[in-house]
């Protein structure tokens, strides 16, 4: 291990092999940090927080601090973070609440840029990008490979599906299904499939075409949502992608993001 002389590390904290703790970091009693993770400098980690292997956390980030919730009474809730994550400067991640499940969870290979905030009881998957100053309120779920644009603000309990994108400066108050794009200032709207990202992640033209047909059937042909889902299940029932899309729609609690009347052109992506 490489522990800087100015770091303050509680003797009961658990540090894995080859951990690097830089200048002026503060590590609390119940913290566990996996092998080869680096805290660059001035990083604060407290509470019952677990950080996985080979993460890199940049200066002035704060992880495991109490939730910003008036009902929180200092219960021993958790933050659990996976492997290979990069958290840039001034990232804040709050521990959970008892009534919200007790765990704020972040998966693997995520990139949280400067000034991003993950509130209590959020559940983030893997390979997610949050651009600068994107903010998540409590109880939010983000699927794998999603992108949250800079300065976006997401309301409590919102879900963003896998491979979806929320544009910069968006205010999001409802769910964004998998594979689609949403953007907009006061209230975000959906603008069709996130096609460029799907191609980058190896989706074939046939898979994308099926998703587009399902999206159009559900949102562009004037059906009520439940009727449209039933029709899409009948027509595209052999597509794993479409079934994931429809299952997400069926399980919404906050409602689905409003649909724009147009798709963005590819040159706008």
Protein backbone atom coordinates (compact mmCIF):
# COMPACT_ATOMS: atom_id res chain seq x y z
CA UNK A 1 0.00 0.00 0.00
CA UNK A 2 0.99 3.60 -0.61
CA UNK A 3 -0.45 5.78 2.17
CA UNK A 4 0.49 9.45 2.23
CA UNK A 5 1.65 10.76 5.57
CA UNK A 6 -1.04 13.47 5.62
CA UNK A 7 -3.93 11.03 5.09
CA UNK A 8 -6.18 10.35 8.10
CA UNK A 9 -7.17 6.68 8.06
CA UNK A 10 -9.15 5.03 10.84
CA UNK A 11 -7.26 1.97 12.15
CA UNK A 12 -10.33 -0.24 11.59
CA UNK A 13 -10.73 0.72 7.93
CA UNK A 14 -10.05 -2.21 5.57
CA UNK A 15 -7.67 -1.47 2.69
CA UNK A 16 -6.85 -3.99 -0.05
CA UNK A 17 -3.48 -4.72 -1.61
CA UNK A 18 -1.72 -1.91 -3.47
CA UNK A 19 -4.28 0.73 -2.49
CA UNK A 20 -3.04 4.30 -2.97
CA UNK A 21 -4.29 6.92 -0.52
CA UNK A 22 -3.07 10.37 -1.53
CA UNK A 23 -2.51 13.57 0.44
CA UNK A 24 -5.15 14.79 2.90
CA UNK A 25 -7.63 12.00 2.33
CA UNK A 26 -9.91 11.04 5.24
CA UNK A 27 -11.06 7.41 5.58
CA UNK A 28 -13.66 6.42 8.18
CA UNK A 29 -13.95 3.47 10.53
CA UNK A 30 -16.34 1.27 8.53
CA UNK A 31 -14.86 1.86 5.08
CA UNK A 32 -13.61 -0.99 2.87
CA UNK A 33 -11.50 -0.23 -0.20
CA UNK A 34 -10.57 -2.88 -2.77
CA UNK A 35 -7.16 -3.70 -4.19
CA UNK A 36 -5.39 -1.20 -6.46
CA UNK A 37 -7.95 1.55 -5.94
CA UNK A 38 -6.49 5.06 -5.82
CA UNK A 39 -7.77 8.07 -3.89
CA UNK A 40 -5.80 10.85 -5.57
CA UNK A 41 -5.98 13.57 -2.88
CA UNK A 42 -8.44 15.31 -0.55
CA UNK A 43 -11.00 12.49 -0.85
CA UNK A 44 -13.44 11.91 2.03
CA UNK A 45 -14.94 8.44 2.52
CA UNK A 46 -17.10 7.67 5.55
CA UNK A 47 -19.99 5.51 6.75
CA UNK A 48 -20.48 1.85 5.89
CA UNK A 49 -18.96 2.27 2.45
CA UNK A 50 -17.45 -0.41 0.22
CA UNK A 51 -15.39 0.57 -2.84
CA UNK A 52 -14.27 -2.13 -5.26
CA UNK A 53 -11.02 -2.85 -7.07
CA UNK A 54 -9.11 -0.55 -9.40
CA UNK A 55 -11.28 2.51 -8.94
CA UNK A 56 -9.82 6.01 -9.21
CA UNK A 57 -11.31 8.84 -7.19
CA UNK A 58 -10.20 12.41 -7.77
CA UNK A 59 -9.81 15.36 -5.37
CA UNK A 60 -12.60 16.76 -3.22
CA UNK A 61 -14.95 13.86 -3.82
CA UNK A 62 -17.12 12.84 -0.87
CA UNK A 63 -18.50 9.30 -0.60
CA UNK A 64 -20.71 7.72 2.02
CA UNK A 65 -21.87 10.91 3.69
CA UNK A 66 -25.39 11.04 5.21
CA UNK A 67 -28.38 11.37 2.90
CA UNK A 68 -29.90 14.79 2.43
CA UNK A 69 -33.19 13.68 3.97
CA UNK A 70 -34.87 15.03 7.09
CA UNK A 71 -36.09 11.58 8.17
CA UNK A 72 -32.60 10.11 8.32
CA UNK A 73 -31.60 9.34 11.93
CA UNK A 74 -27.98 8.26 11.52
CA UNK A 75 -28.82 4.60 10.80
CA UNK A 76 -25.89 2.45 9.56
CA UNK A 77 -26.94 2.40 5.91
CA UNK A 78 -24.52 1.69 3.07
CA UNK A 79 -22.83 2.73 -0.13
CA UNK A 80 -21.60 -0.19 -2.25
CA UNK A 81 -19.44 0.61 -5.28
CA UNK A 82 -18.09 -1.94 -7.76
CA UNK A 83 -14.82 -2.19 -9.68
CA UNK A 84 -13.06 -0.05 -12.29
CA UNK A 85 -15.01 3.14 -11.62
CA UNK A 86 -13.68 6.65 -12.23
CA UNK A 87 -15.07 9.50 -10.13
CA UNK A 88 -13.72 12.89 -11.10
CA UNK A 89 -13.41 16.03 -8.98
CA UNK A 90 -16.12 16.98 -6.46
CA UNK A 91 -18.30 13.91 -6.99
CA UNK A 92 -20.72 13.34 -4.09
CA UNK A 93 -22.37 10.01 -3.29
CA UNK A 94 -24.71 9.78 -0.29
CA UNK A 95 -25.44 6.68 1.72
CA UNK A 96 -28.97 5.27 1.73
CA UNK A 97 -31.98 5.53 4.02
CA UNK A 98 -33.56 2.64 5.91
CA UNK A 99 -36.95 3.23 4.30
CA UNK A 100 -35.33 3.35 0.83
CA UNK A 101 -33.73 -0.07 1.06
CA UNK A 102 -30.55 0.71 2.97
CA UNK A 103 -28.06 0.69 0.08
CA UNK A 104 -26.91 3.25 -2.47
CA UNK A 105 -25.37 1.05 -5.15
CA UNK A 106 -23.06 1.72 -8.11
CA UNK A 107 -21.88 -1.05 -10.44
CA UNK A 108 -18.69 -1.42 -12.49
CA UNK A 109 -16.83 0.58 -15.15
CA UNK A 110 -18.77 3.80 -14.58
CA UNK A 111 -17.45 7.29 -15.34
CA UNK A 112 -18.84 10.07 -13.15
CA UNK A 113 -17.46 13.41 -14.28
CA UNK A 114 -16.81 16.45 -12.10
CA UNK A 115 -19.53 17.76 -9.76
CA UNK A 116 -21.94 14.89 -10.35
CA UNK A 117 -24.20 13.93 -7.44
CA UNK A 118 -25.72 10.53 -6.61
CA UNK A 119 -28.29 10.84 -3.84
CA UNK A 120 -29.51 8.29 -1.29
CA UNK A 121 -30.92 4.94 -2.38
CA UNK A 122 -29.92 5.28 -6.04
CA UNK A 123 -29.11 2.11 -7.96
CA UNK A 124 -26.71 2.56 -10.89
CA UNK A 125 -25.74 -0.27 -13.19
CA UNK A 126 -22.46 -0.56 -15.10
CA UNK A 127 -20.75 1.30 -17.97
CA UNK A 128 -22.73 4.46 -17.20
CA UNK A 129 -21.46 7.95 -18.05
CA UNK A 130 -22.65 10.95 -16.06
CA UNK A 131 -21.34 14.19 -17.55
CA UNK A 132 -20.31 17.23 -15.53
CA UNK A 133 -22.77 18.47 -12.91
CA UNK A 134 -25.47 15.90 -13.66
CA UNK A 135 -27.56 15.38 -10.53
CA UNK A 136 -29.60 12.41 -9.35
CA UNK A 137 -32.21 12.81 -6.63
CA UNK A 138 -33.05 9.90 -4.30
CA UNK A 139 -34.28 6.44 -5.28
CA UNK A 140 -33.26 6.72 -8.95
CA UNK A 141 -32.41 3.67 -11.07
CA UNK A 142 -30.05 3.91 -14.06
CA UNK A 143 -29.55 0.98 -16.43
CA UNK A 144 -26.32 -0.30 -17.96
CA UNK A 145 -24.64 1.81 -20.67
CA UNK A 146 -26.89 4.81 -20.07
CA UNK A 147 -25.58 8.36 -20.53
CA UNK A 148 -26.73 11.31 -18.43
CA UNK A 149 -25.76 14.65 -19.99
CA UNK A 150 -24.14 17.55 -18.20
CA UNK A 151 -26.29 19.72 -15.91
CA UNK A 152 -29.21 17.30 -16.17
CA UNK A 153 -31.47 17.03 -13.14
CA UNK A 154 -33.44 13.83 -12.43
CA UNK A 155 -36.43 13.71 -10.08
CA UNK A 156 -36.81 11.22 -7.25
CA UNK A 157 -37.81 7.66 -8.23
CA UNK A 158 -37.17 8.21 -11.95
CA UNK A 159 -35.76 5.28 -13.94
CA UNK A 160 -33.51 5.48 -17.00
CA UNK A 161 -33.27 2.27 -19.01
CA UNK A 162 -30.21 0.59 -20.47
CA UNK A 163 -28.54 2.24 -23.48
CA UNK A 164 -30.72 5.33 -23.02
CA UNK A 165 -29.44 8.89 -23.16
CA UNK A 166 -30.65 11.94 -21.26
CA UNK A 167 -29.44 15.12 -22.94
CA UNK A 168 -27.57 17.92 -21.23
CA UNK A 169 -29.48 20.55 -19.23
CA UNK A 170 -32.57 18.31 -19.19
CA UNK A 171 -35.11 18.25 -16.37
CA UNK A 172 -36.41 14.71 -16.13
CA UNK A 173 -39.50 13.91 -14.08
CA UNK A 174 -40.62 10.64 -15.68
CA UNK A 175 -39.06 7.37 -16.78
CA UNK A 176 -36.95 7.07 -19.92
CA UNK A 177 -37.24 3.58 -21.48
CA UNK A 178 -34.27 1.55 -22.68
CA UNK A 179 -32.63 2.38 -26.03
CA UNK A 180 -34.14 5.86 -26.46
CA UNK A 181 -33.06 9.50 -26.21
CA UNK A 182 -34.67 12.19 -24.11
CA UNK A 183 -33.83 15.87 -23.87
CA UNK A 184 -35.38 19.19 -22.98
CA UNK A 185 -35.05 22.03 -20.51
CA UNK A 186 -38.17 22.40 -18.38
CA UNK A 187 -39.46 18.88 -19.06
CA UNK A 188 -37.57 16.38 -21.17
CA UNK A 189 -39.20 14.65 -24.14
CA UNK A 190 -38.26 11.50 -26.01
CA UNK A 191 -36.79 11.93 -29.51
CA UNK A 192 -36.68 8.38 -30.81
CA UNK A 193 -34.01 5.72 -30.50
CA UNK A 194 -30.46 6.33 -29.30
CA UNK A 195 -29.31 4.86 -32.61
CA UNK A 196 -25.75 6.14 -32.69
CA UNK A 197 -24.99 4.61 -29.28
CA UNK A 198 -26.68 1.35 -30.24
CA UNK A 199 -24.47 1.04 -33.32
CA UNK A 200 -21.38 1.85 -31.26
CA UNK A 201 -22.29 -0.97 -28.89
CA UNK A 202 -22.61 -3.49 -31.69
CA UNK A 203 -26.35 -3.59 -32.30
CA UNK A 204 -27.06 -4.89 -35.79
CA UNK A 205 -29.20 -3.02 -38.29
CA UNK A 206 -31.95 -5.64 -37.83
CA UNK A 207 -32.00 -5.21 -34.03
CA UNK A 208 -32.20 -1.43 -34.38
CA UNK A 209 -34.93 -1.68 -37.02
CA UNK A 210 -37.06 -3.90 -34.77
CA UNK A 211 -36.67 -1.49 -31.88
CA UNK A 212 -37.61 1.44 -34.09
CA UNK A 213 -40.71 -0.36 -35.36
CA UNK A 214 -41.73 -1.18 -31.80
CA UNK A 215 -41.13 2.41 -30.68
CA UNK A 216 -43.26 3.73 -33.55
CA UNK A 217 -46.04 1.26 -32.81
CA UNK A 218 -46.14 2.15 -29.13
CA UNK A 219 -45.75 5.92 -29.37
CA UNK A 220 -46.60 7.06 -32.91
CA UNK A 221 -49.73 5.20 -33.99
CA UNK A 222 -52.26 6.66 -31.59
CA UNK A 223 -52.84 3.57 -29.44
CA UNK A 224 -53.37 3.71 -25.70
CA UNK A 225 -50.21 2.54 -23.96
CA UNK A 226 -51.51 -0.79 -22.67
CA UNK A 227 -53.10 -1.60 -26.02
CA UNK A 228 -49.87 -0.67 -27.82
CA UNK A 229 -47.80 -2.87 -25.52
CA UNK A 230 -50.10 -5.81 -26.20
CA UNK A 231 -49.85 -5.27 -29.96
CA UNK A 232 -46.06 -4.96 -29.79
CA UNK A 233 -45.74 -8.15 -27.75
CA UNK A 234 -47.75 -9.96 -30.39
CA UNK A 235 -45.71 -8.58 -33.28
CA UNK A 236 -42.19 -8.54 -31.80
CA UNK A 237 -42.40 -11.28 -29.17
CA UNK A 238 -39.27 -13.00 -30.46
CA UNK A 239 -37.07 -9.93 -29.86
CA UNK A 240 -35.28 -9.82 -26.50
CA UNK A 241 -34.62 -6.11 -26.97
CA UNK A 242 -38.26 -5.25 -27.64
CA UNK A 243 -39.42 -7.39 -24.71
CA UNK A 244 -37.03 -5.50 -22.40
CA UNK A 245 -38.42 -2.23 -23.75
CA UNK A 246 -42.03 -3.31 -23.20
CA UNK A 247 -41.39 -4.76 -19.75
CA UNK A 248 -39.89 -1.44 -18.69
CA UNK A 249 -42.99 0.40 -19.92
CA UNK A 250 -45.30 -1.96 -18.04
CA UNK A 251 -43.44 -1.48 -14.76
CA UNK A 252 -43.41 2.31 -14.68
CA UNK A 253 -44.67 4.04 -11.54
CA UNK A 254 -43.94 7.66 -12.36
CA UNK A 255 -45.13 7.42 -15.96
CA UNK A 256 -43.18 7.54 -19.20
CA UNK A 257 -41.45 10.64 -20.52
CA UNK A 258 -43.50 12.61 -23.02
CA UNK A 259 -42.89 11.79 -26.69
CA UNK A 260 -41.75 14.48 -29.11
CA UNK A 261 -43.45 14.71 -32.46
CA UNK A 262 -40.12 14.23 -34.23
CA UNK A 263 -36.92 12.19 -34.12
CA UNK A 264 -33.59 13.96 -34.03
CA UNK A 265 -31.62 13.75 -37.23
CA UNK A 266 -28.41 11.78 -37.05
CA UNK A 267 -26.35 14.89 -37.66
CA UNK A 268 -27.81 16.28 -34.42
CA UNK A 269 -26.56 13.29 -32.39
